[in-house]
Each structure stands twice: as C-alpha cells, then as structure tokens.
Amino acid sequence: MKTYLPKNHLQQRKWHVVDADGAVLGRLAVQVANILRGKNKPVFTPHLDAGDFVVVINAEKVRLTGKKETDKKFMTYSGWKGGEKYASVAQIRARHPEKLITHAVRGMVPKNRLGRVLMTKLKVYKGSQHPHSAQQPATLAAAH
C-alpha cells in the first residue's frame, strides 16, 4: 500500500471568516491554527501546507479569562543591553489588537519554514470590515 500525498497545485484553498467578538483567545487560536494547517481535512499531511485562508474580524473584542488582561506581560528585546520592554495585554489591545491573535496562533503552528508560510494565510482585522469579500469567505462560528 502506498502513502497518499495530496497534490498542492491541484488543491483549491477556501477562505473562512471568524468573528472574534466574545471568543476566548486560546480557544479561538486553536481553531484558527487547525484550519491553517489543514487538520480539518482528510488529506492532512504534517509536512505539507494543505490548509485554508482564515480572516479574523473584531480582534479588539477577543476575551481573556482570569486576570490575564492586567497580569499577563509580553516581552520584546531589542538586542541591546537593557533593551527589554514589557507590555500588558491591555496596552497591546489599545495599540495593536491584531497582535494578540497573531501571537497566539504563531505559538500553535510549527516553528519552521512551514509555519512561516502558514502565517501568511492568516489575516486579522480589528473592525468588522475586511477587504477579502471577493474571495467569498465562508463564516465559521468561533469557539466561545
């Protein structure tokens, strides 16, 4: 018996829209990462990109449980001595709410070339409008 490998050039990628309004961040990120990888398809292959495009709207309305809004810190490092900067979830939500979802999904995809390709298929917007209506995306219910 031979192992079946999907032909990527023959595959038609679908577009999905997920509304993050009221959705818990981690549960939403798992759902999005699985669609990006193609784990919801019968032709899933771990080393190939068989996933679909995902558009996340209302990123500023995503929910975090517990006291993560104030207690959770994100650290960036410039590379210089003393170049550490810390920001809370509330500060990031005020400046760039898209980064919350992007950061959570990036942690759930592979940390290699495949993961970088998968992240290009994720589109996150802070409002309810998005410029991908021409692709006729299907609406997905976010895990609440």
N, C-alpha and C. Protein backbone atom coordinates (compact mmCIF):
# COMPACT_ATOMS: atom_id res chain seq x y z
N MET A 1 0.85 -1.18 0.00
CA MET A 1 0.00 0.00 0.00
C MET A 1 0.89 1.24 0.00
N LYS A 2 0.56 2.19 -0.86
CA LYS A 2 1.37 3.40 -0.96
C LYS A 2 0.75 4.52 -0.13
N THR A 3 1.61 5.40 0.37
CA THR A 3 1.16 6.55 1.12
C THR A 3 0.62 7.61 0.17
N TYR A 4 -0.57 8.12 0.47
CA TYR A 4 -1.19 9.13 -0.38
C TYR A 4 -0.63 10.50 -0.01
N LEU A 5 -0.19 11.25 -0.99
CA LEU A 5 0.26 12.62 -0.80
C LEU A 5 -0.61 13.54 -1.64
N PRO A 6 -1.23 14.55 -1.03
CA PRO A 6 -2.08 15.46 -1.79
C PRO A 6 -1.26 16.32 -2.74
N LYS A 7 -1.83 16.63 -3.88
CA LYS A 7 -1.18 17.50 -4.85
C LYS A 7 -1.56 18.94 -4.53
N ASN A 8 -0.60 19.72 -4.08
CA ASN A 8 -0.89 21.09 -3.67
C ASN A 8 -1.29 21.98 -4.84
N HIS A 9 -0.76 21.75 -6.02
CA HIS A 9 -1.10 22.63 -7.15
C HIS A 9 -2.51 22.36 -7.67
N LEU A 10 -3.09 21.21 -7.33
CA LEU A 10 -4.46 20.90 -7.75
C LEU A 10 -5.49 21.31 -6.70
N GLN A 11 -5.03 21.65 -5.53
CA GLN A 11 -5.92 21.91 -4.41
C GLN A 11 -6.49 23.32 -4.47
N GLN A 12 -7.78 23.46 -4.23
CA GLN A 12 -8.45 24.76 -4.17
C GLN A 12 -8.55 25.17 -2.71
N ARG A 13 -7.93 26.29 -2.35
CA ARG A 13 -7.96 26.75 -0.96
C ARG A 13 -9.22 27.57 -0.71
N LYS A 14 -9.86 27.30 0.40
CA LYS A 14 -11.07 28.03 0.78
C LYS A 14 -10.70 29.20 1.69
N TRP A 15 -11.63 30.11 1.85
CA TRP A 15 -11.47 31.24 2.75
C TRP A 15 -12.53 31.14 3.83
N HIS A 16 -12.14 31.41 5.07
CA HIS A 16 -13.05 31.35 6.21
C HIS A 16 -12.98 32.67 6.96
N VAL A 17 -14.12 33.12 7.48
CA VAL A 17 -14.18 34.31 8.32
C VAL A 17 -14.60 33.88 9.72
N VAL A 18 -13.83 34.32 10.71
CA VAL A 18 -14.14 34.03 12.11
C VAL A 18 -14.33 35.35 12.83
N ASP A 19 -15.45 35.48 13.53
CA ASP A 19 -15.73 36.68 14.31
C ASP A 19 -15.22 36.45 15.73
N ALA A 20 -14.26 37.26 16.16
CA ALA A 20 -13.63 37.07 17.47
C ALA A 20 -14.40 37.76 18.59
N ASP A 21 -15.54 38.33 18.29
CA ASP A 21 -16.32 39.07 19.29
C ASP A 21 -16.78 38.13 20.41
N GLY A 22 -16.21 38.29 21.61
CA GLY A 22 -16.59 37.48 22.76
C GLY A 22 -15.93 36.12 22.83
N ALA A 23 -15.09 35.77 21.86
CA ALA A 23 -14.43 34.47 21.85
C ALA A 23 -13.21 34.50 22.77
N VAL A 24 -12.94 33.39 23.44
CA VAL A 24 -11.76 33.27 24.30
C VAL A 24 -10.54 33.11 23.40
N LEU A 25 -9.49 33.84 23.70
CA LEU A 25 -8.32 33.93 22.82
C LEU A 25 -7.69 32.57 22.52
N GLY A 26 -7.43 31.77 23.53
CA GLY A 26 -6.76 30.49 23.31
C GLY A 26 -7.58 29.52 22.49
N ARG A 27 -8.88 29.45 22.77
CA ARG A 27 -9.75 28.54 22.03
C ARG A 27 -9.89 28.99 20.58
N LEU A 28 -9.95 30.29 20.37
CA LEU A 28 -10.02 30.82 19.01
C LEU A 28 -8.73 30.51 18.26
N ALA A 29 -7.58 30.67 18.93
CA ALA A 29 -6.29 30.43 18.29
C ALA A 29 -6.12 28.97 17.88
N VAL A 30 -6.60 28.04 18.70
CA VAL A 30 -6.53 26.63 18.35
C VAL A 30 -7.35 26.33 17.11
N GLN A 31 -8.56 26.89 17.06
CA GLN A 31 -9.44 26.68 15.92
C GLN A 31 -8.82 27.24 14.64
N VAL A 32 -8.25 28.43 14.72
CA VAL A 32 -7.64 29.06 13.55
C VAL A 32 -6.39 28.29 13.11
N ALA A 33 -5.56 27.87 14.07
CA ALA A 33 -4.33 27.14 13.73
C ALA A 33 -4.65 25.81 13.05
N ASN A 34 -5.69 25.14 13.49
CA ASN A 34 -6.07 23.87 12.87
C ASN A 34 -6.52 24.05 11.43
N ILE A 35 -7.24 25.13 11.15
CA ILE A 35 -7.69 25.40 9.77
C ILE A 35 -6.50 25.79 8.90
N LEU A 36 -5.57 26.60 9.46
CA LEU A 36 -4.39 26.99 8.69
C LEU A 36 -3.54 25.78 8.31
N ARG A 37 -3.41 24.83 9.22
CA ARG A 37 -2.61 23.63 8.95
C ARG A 37 -3.33 22.63 8.06
N GLY A 38 -4.66 22.67 8.06
CA GLY A 38 -5.43 21.71 7.27
C GLY A 38 -5.80 20.47 8.05
N LYS A 39 -5.76 20.56 9.38
CA LYS A 39 -6.07 19.39 10.21
C LYS A 39 -7.55 19.01 10.14
N ASN A 40 -8.38 19.90 9.62
CA ASN A 40 -9.80 19.59 9.49
C ASN A 40 -10.12 18.86 8.19
N LYS A 41 -9.11 18.57 7.39
CA LYS A 41 -9.32 17.91 6.09
C LYS A 41 -8.84 16.46 6.14
N PRO A 42 -9.45 15.60 5.34
CA PRO A 42 -8.99 14.20 5.31
C PRO A 42 -7.63 14.02 4.64
N VAL A 43 -7.15 15.03 3.89
CA VAL A 43 -5.86 14.91 3.20
C VAL A 43 -4.74 15.55 4.01
N PHE A 44 -4.91 15.73 5.33
CA PHE A 44 -3.89 16.36 6.15
C PHE A 44 -2.59 15.57 6.10
N THR A 45 -1.51 16.27 5.81
CA THR A 45 -0.17 15.71 5.82
C THR A 45 0.70 16.64 6.65
N PRO A 46 1.40 16.14 7.67
CA PRO A 46 2.11 17.03 8.60
C PRO A 46 3.16 17.92 7.96
N HIS A 47 3.82 17.47 6.90
CA HIS A 47 4.91 18.26 6.34
C HIS A 47 4.50 19.09 5.13
N LEU A 48 3.21 19.10 4.78
CA LEU A 48 2.74 19.88 3.64
C LEU A 48 1.73 20.93 4.07
N ASP A 49 1.61 21.96 3.28
CA ASP A 49 0.65 23.02 3.53
C ASP A 49 -0.65 22.67 2.82
N ALA A 50 -1.61 22.13 3.57
CA ALA A 50 -2.90 21.74 2.98
C ALA A 50 -4.04 22.57 3.54
N GLY A 51 -3.72 23.67 4.24
CA GLY A 51 -4.73 24.45 4.93
C GLY A 51 -5.38 25.51 4.08
N ASP A 52 -6.33 26.21 4.71
CA ASP A 52 -7.10 27.26 4.06
C ASP A 52 -6.71 28.62 4.62
N PHE A 53 -7.25 29.66 4.00
CA PHE A 53 -7.06 31.03 4.48
C PHE A 53 -8.07 31.32 5.58
N VAL A 54 -7.67 32.11 6.57
CA VAL A 54 -8.56 32.49 7.67
C VAL A 54 -8.50 34.00 7.84
N VAL A 55 -9.68 34.61 7.90
CA VAL A 55 -9.81 36.04 8.15
C VAL A 55 -10.49 36.18 9.51
N VAL A 56 -9.82 36.84 10.45
CA VAL A 56 -10.38 37.07 11.78
C VAL A 56 -10.77 38.54 11.88
N ILE A 57 -12.04 38.78 12.24
CA ILE A 57 -12.52 40.15 12.39
C ILE A 57 -12.86 40.42 13.85
N ASN A 58 -12.99 41.69 14.19
CA ASN A 58 -13.28 42.13 15.57
C ASN A 58 -12.21 41.64 16.54
N ALA A 59 -10.96 41.82 16.20
CA ALA A 59 -9.86 41.35 17.04
C ALA A 59 -9.80 42.07 18.37
N GLU A 60 -10.29 43.30 18.43
CA GLU A 60 -10.22 44.05 19.69
C GLU A 60 -11.24 43.55 20.71
N LYS A 61 -12.19 42.72 20.28
CA LYS A 61 -13.24 42.23 21.19
C LYS A 61 -12.98 40.81 21.69
N VAL A 62 -11.78 40.29 21.46
CA VAL A 62 -11.45 38.95 21.94
C VAL A 62 -11.36 38.98 23.47
N ARG A 63 -11.68 37.87 24.10
CA ARG A 63 -11.80 37.82 25.56
C ARG A 63 -10.67 36.97 26.13
N LEU A 64 -10.18 37.36 27.29
CA LEU A 64 -9.20 36.57 28.04
C LEU A 64 -9.80 36.24 29.40
N THR A 65 -9.53 35.06 29.90
CA THR A 65 -10.11 34.64 31.17
C THR A 65 -9.19 35.04 32.32
N GLY A 66 -9.76 35.10 33.50
CA GLY A 66 -8.98 35.40 34.70
C GLY A 66 -8.49 36.84 34.69
N LYS A 67 -7.28 37.04 35.28
CA LYS A 67 -6.70 38.37 35.37
C LYS A 67 -5.62 38.60 34.31
N LYS A 68 -5.71 37.88 33.18
CA LYS A 68 -4.68 37.99 32.16
C LYS A 68 -4.63 39.38 31.53
N GLU A 69 -5.74 40.08 31.52
CA GLU A 69 -5.79 41.41 30.90
C GLU A 69 -4.76 42.35 31.53
N THR A 70 -4.55 42.25 32.84
CA THR A 70 -3.62 43.14 33.51
C THR A 70 -2.32 42.44 33.92
N ASP A 71 -2.38 41.14 34.24
CA ASP A 71 -1.22 40.45 34.79
C ASP A 71 -0.30 39.85 33.74
N LYS A 72 -0.84 39.44 32.58
CA LYS A 72 -0.02 38.82 31.54
C LYS A 72 0.84 39.88 30.87
N LYS A 73 2.12 39.60 30.74
CA LYS A 73 3.06 40.55 30.13
C LYS A 73 3.69 39.92 28.89
N PHE A 74 3.86 40.74 27.86
CA PHE A 74 4.58 40.35 26.66
C PHE A 74 5.91 41.09 26.67
N MET A 75 7.00 40.37 26.38
CA MET A 75 8.33 40.96 26.44
C MET A 75 8.91 41.05 25.03
N THR A 76 9.49 42.19 24.71
CA THR A 76 10.25 42.35 23.48
C THR A 76 11.67 42.74 23.86
N TYR A 77 12.62 42.34 23.03
CA TYR A 77 14.02 42.60 23.33
C TYR A 77 14.69 43.16 22.09
N SER A 78 15.35 44.30 22.24
CA SER A 78 15.96 44.99 21.10
C SER A 78 17.29 44.38 20.70
N GLY A 79 17.91 43.60 21.58
CA GLY A 79 19.23 43.07 21.31
C GLY A 79 20.32 43.85 22.02
N TRP A 80 19.99 45.00 22.54
CA TRP A 80 20.94 45.82 23.26
C TRP A 80 20.81 45.57 24.76
N LYS A 81 21.87 45.92 25.48
CA LYS A 81 21.85 45.76 26.93
C LYS A 81 20.76 46.66 27.51
N GLY A 82 19.92 46.08 28.35
CA GLY A 82 18.82 46.82 28.94
C GLY A 82 17.70 47.12 27.96
N GLY A 83 17.64 46.40 26.86
CA GLY A 83 16.65 46.67 25.82
C GLY A 83 15.37 45.89 25.96
N GLU A 84 15.05 45.42 27.16
CA GLU A 84 13.80 44.70 27.37
C GLU A 84 12.66 45.67 27.57
N LYS A 85 11.54 45.37 26.94
CA LYS A 85 10.33 46.16 27.13
C LYS A 85 9.19 45.20 27.43
N TYR A 86 8.37 45.56 28.40
CA TYR A 86 7.24 44.74 28.80
C TYR A 86 5.95 45.51 28.54
N ALA A 87 4.94 44.81 28.05
CA ALA A 87 3.63 45.42 27.80
C ALA A 87 2.55 44.46 28.26
N SER A 88 1.53 44.98 28.90
CA SER A 88 0.41 44.14 29.33
C SER A 88 -0.54 43.93 28.16
N VAL A 89 -1.47 43.01 28.33
CA VAL A 89 -2.45 42.72 27.29
C VAL A 89 -3.30 43.96 27.02
N ALA A 90 -3.62 44.70 28.07
CA ALA A 90 -4.44 45.91 27.89
C ALA A 90 -3.72 46.94 27.03
N GLN A 91 -2.40 47.09 27.21
CA GLN A 91 -1.64 48.04 26.40
C GLN A 91 -1.57 47.60 24.94
N ILE A 92 -1.38 46.30 24.72
CA ILE A 92 -1.30 45.80 23.35
C ILE A 92 -2.67 45.90 22.67
N ARG A 93 -3.73 45.63 23.43
CA ARG A 93 -5.08 45.73 22.88
C ARG A 93 -5.39 47.18 22.46
N ALA A 94 -4.88 48.15 23.22
CA ALA A 94 -5.12 49.55 22.89
C ALA A 94 -4.37 49.96 21.62
N ARG A 95 -3.14 49.47 21.43
CA ARG A 95 -2.32 49.89 20.28
C ARG A 95 -2.59 49.03 19.05
N HIS A 96 -2.38 47.72 19.17
CA HIS A 96 -2.49 46.79 18.03
C HIS A 96 -3.23 45.53 18.47
N PRO A 97 -4.55 45.53 18.49
CA PRO A 97 -5.28 44.34 18.96
C PRO A 97 -5.08 43.11 18.06
N GLU A 98 -4.64 43.32 16.82
CA GLU A 98 -4.41 42.19 15.92
C GLU A 98 -3.26 41.32 16.41
N LYS A 99 -2.30 41.95 17.11
CA LYS A 99 -1.11 41.21 17.55
C LYS A 99 -1.44 40.15 18.59
N LEU A 100 -2.51 40.33 19.36
CA LEU A 100 -2.90 39.32 20.35
C LEU A 100 -3.21 38.00 19.66
N ILE A 101 -4.03 38.06 18.63
CA ILE A 101 -4.44 36.84 17.93
C ILE A 101 -3.28 36.27 17.13
N THR A 102 -2.53 37.14 16.46
CA THR A 102 -1.40 36.68 15.65
C THR A 102 -0.36 35.98 16.52
N HIS A 103 -0.07 36.53 17.69
CA HIS A 103 0.92 35.95 18.60
C HIS A 103 0.44 34.60 19.12
N ALA A 104 -0.84 34.49 19.44
CA ALA A 104 -1.38 33.23 19.96
C ALA A 104 -1.37 32.13 18.90
N VAL A 105 -1.72 32.48 17.66
CA VAL A 105 -1.74 31.48 16.59
C VAL A 105 -0.33 31.09 16.21
N ARG A 106 0.62 32.05 16.21
CA ARG A 106 2.01 31.75 15.85
C ARG A 106 2.60 30.71 16.80
N GLY A 107 2.18 30.74 18.06
CA GLY A 107 2.68 29.76 19.01
C GLY A 107 2.13 28.37 18.79
N MET A 108 1.10 28.24 17.96
CA MET A 108 0.45 26.94 17.74
C MET A 108 0.74 26.33 16.39
N VAL A 109 1.52 27.00 15.56
CA VAL A 109 1.93 26.42 14.27
C VAL A 109 3.39 26.00 14.38
N PRO A 110 3.88 25.17 13.47
CA PRO A 110 5.26 24.71 13.55
C PRO A 110 6.26 25.88 13.50
N LYS A 111 7.37 25.69 14.19
CA LYS A 111 8.40 26.73 14.24
C LYS A 111 9.46 26.45 13.18
N ASN A 112 9.07 26.52 11.92
CA ASN A 112 9.99 26.26 10.81
C ASN A 112 9.46 26.98 9.56
N ARG A 113 9.98 26.64 8.38
CA ARG A 113 9.55 27.29 7.15
C ARG A 113 8.06 27.09 6.90
N LEU A 114 7.56 25.89 7.22
CA LEU A 114 6.14 25.62 7.02
C LEU A 114 5.29 26.55 7.86
N GLY A 115 5.69 26.79 9.11
CA GLY A 115 4.94 27.69 9.97
C GLY A 115 4.91 29.11 9.46
N ARG A 116 6.03 29.56 8.89
CA ARG A 116 6.07 30.91 8.34
C ARG A 116 5.16 31.04 7.12
N VAL A 117 5.06 29.99 6.32
CA VAL A 117 4.15 30.01 5.17
C VAL A 117 2.70 30.00 5.65
N LEU A 118 2.42 29.23 6.68
CA LEU A 118 1.06 29.16 7.21
C LEU A 118 0.60 30.52 7.74
N MET A 119 1.50 31.25 8.38
CA MET A 119 1.12 32.54 8.97
C MET A 119 0.78 33.58 7.91
N THR A 120 1.24 33.39 6.66
CA THR A 120 0.88 34.33 5.61
C THR A 120 -0.58 34.16 5.19
N LYS A 121 -1.20 33.06 5.56
CA LYS A 121 -2.60 32.82 5.21
C LYS A 121 -3.56 33.29 6.29
N LEU A 122 -3.03 33.89 7.35
CA LEU A 122 -3.86 34.44 8.42
C LEU A 122 -3.99 35.95 8.24
N LYS A 123 -5.22 36.44 8.20
CA LYS A 123 -5.49 37.87 8.05
C LYS A 123 -6.34 38.29 9.25
N VAL A 124 -5.84 39.25 10.04
CA VAL A 124 -6.52 39.68 11.25
C VAL A 124 -6.83 41.17 11.14
N TYR A 125 -8.08 41.54 11.45
CA TYR A 125 -8.52 42.92 11.38
C TYR A 125 -9.24 43.30 12.66
N LYS A 126 -9.08 44.58 13.07
CA LYS A 126 -9.67 44.99 14.33
C LYS A 126 -11.13 45.37 14.21
N GLY A 127 -11.59 45.76 13.09
CA GLY A 127 -13.00 46.10 12.92
C GLY A 127 -13.78 44.94 12.34
N SER A 128 -15.03 45.22 11.99
CA SER A 128 -15.85 44.15 11.40
C SER A 128 -15.74 44.14 9.88
N GLN A 129 -14.99 45.07 9.30
CA GLN A 129 -14.80 45.13 7.86
C GLN A 129 -13.49 44.47 7.47
N HIS A 130 -13.49 43.81 6.30
CA HIS A 130 -12.26 43.23 5.77
C HIS A 130 -12.29 43.32 4.25
N PRO A 131 -11.12 43.40 3.60
CA PRO A 131 -11.07 43.57 2.15
C PRO A 131 -11.09 42.27 1.35
N HIS A 132 -11.54 41.17 1.95
CA HIS A 132 -11.48 39.87 1.26
C HIS A 132 -12.85 39.35 0.87
N SER A 133 -13.79 40.23 0.63
CA SER A 133 -15.14 39.80 0.27
C SER A 133 -15.18 39.20 -1.14
N ALA A 134 -14.23 39.54 -1.99
CA ALA A 134 -14.19 38.99 -3.35
C ALA A 134 -13.88 37.50 -3.34
N GLN A 135 -13.24 37.01 -2.27
CA GLN A 135 -12.92 35.59 -2.18
C GLN A 135 -14.11 34.76 -1.69
N GLN A 136 -15.22 35.41 -1.36
CA GLN A 136 -16.45 34.77 -0.87
C GLN A 136 -16.16 33.83 0.29
N PRO A 137 -15.68 34.37 1.42
CA PRO A 137 -15.33 33.52 2.55
C PRO A 137 -16.57 32.96 3.24
N ALA A 138 -16.41 31.73 3.74
CA ALA A 138 -17.49 31.09 4.50
C ALA A 138 -17.35 31.48 5.96
N THR A 139 -18.48 31.68 6.63
CA THR A 139 -18.47 32.10 8.02
C THR A 139 -18.31 30.89 8.92
N LEU A 140 -17.38 31.00 9.87
CA LEU A 140 -17.16 29.94 10.86
C LEU A 140 -17.58 30.47 12.23
N ALA A 141 -18.19 29.64 13.03
CA ALA A 141 -18.53 30.03 14.39
C ALA A 141 -17.31 29.88 15.26
N ALA A 142 -16.96 30.94 15.98
CA ALA A 142 -15.80 30.90 16.88
C ALA A 142 -16.16 30.11 18.14
N ALA A 143 -15.19 29.38 18.66
CA ALA A 143 -15.39 28.63 19.90
C ALA A 143 -15.46 29.62 21.05
N HIS A 144 -16.57 29.60 21.79
CA HIS A 144 -16.75 30.56 22.91
C HIS A 144 -16.48 29.88 24.22
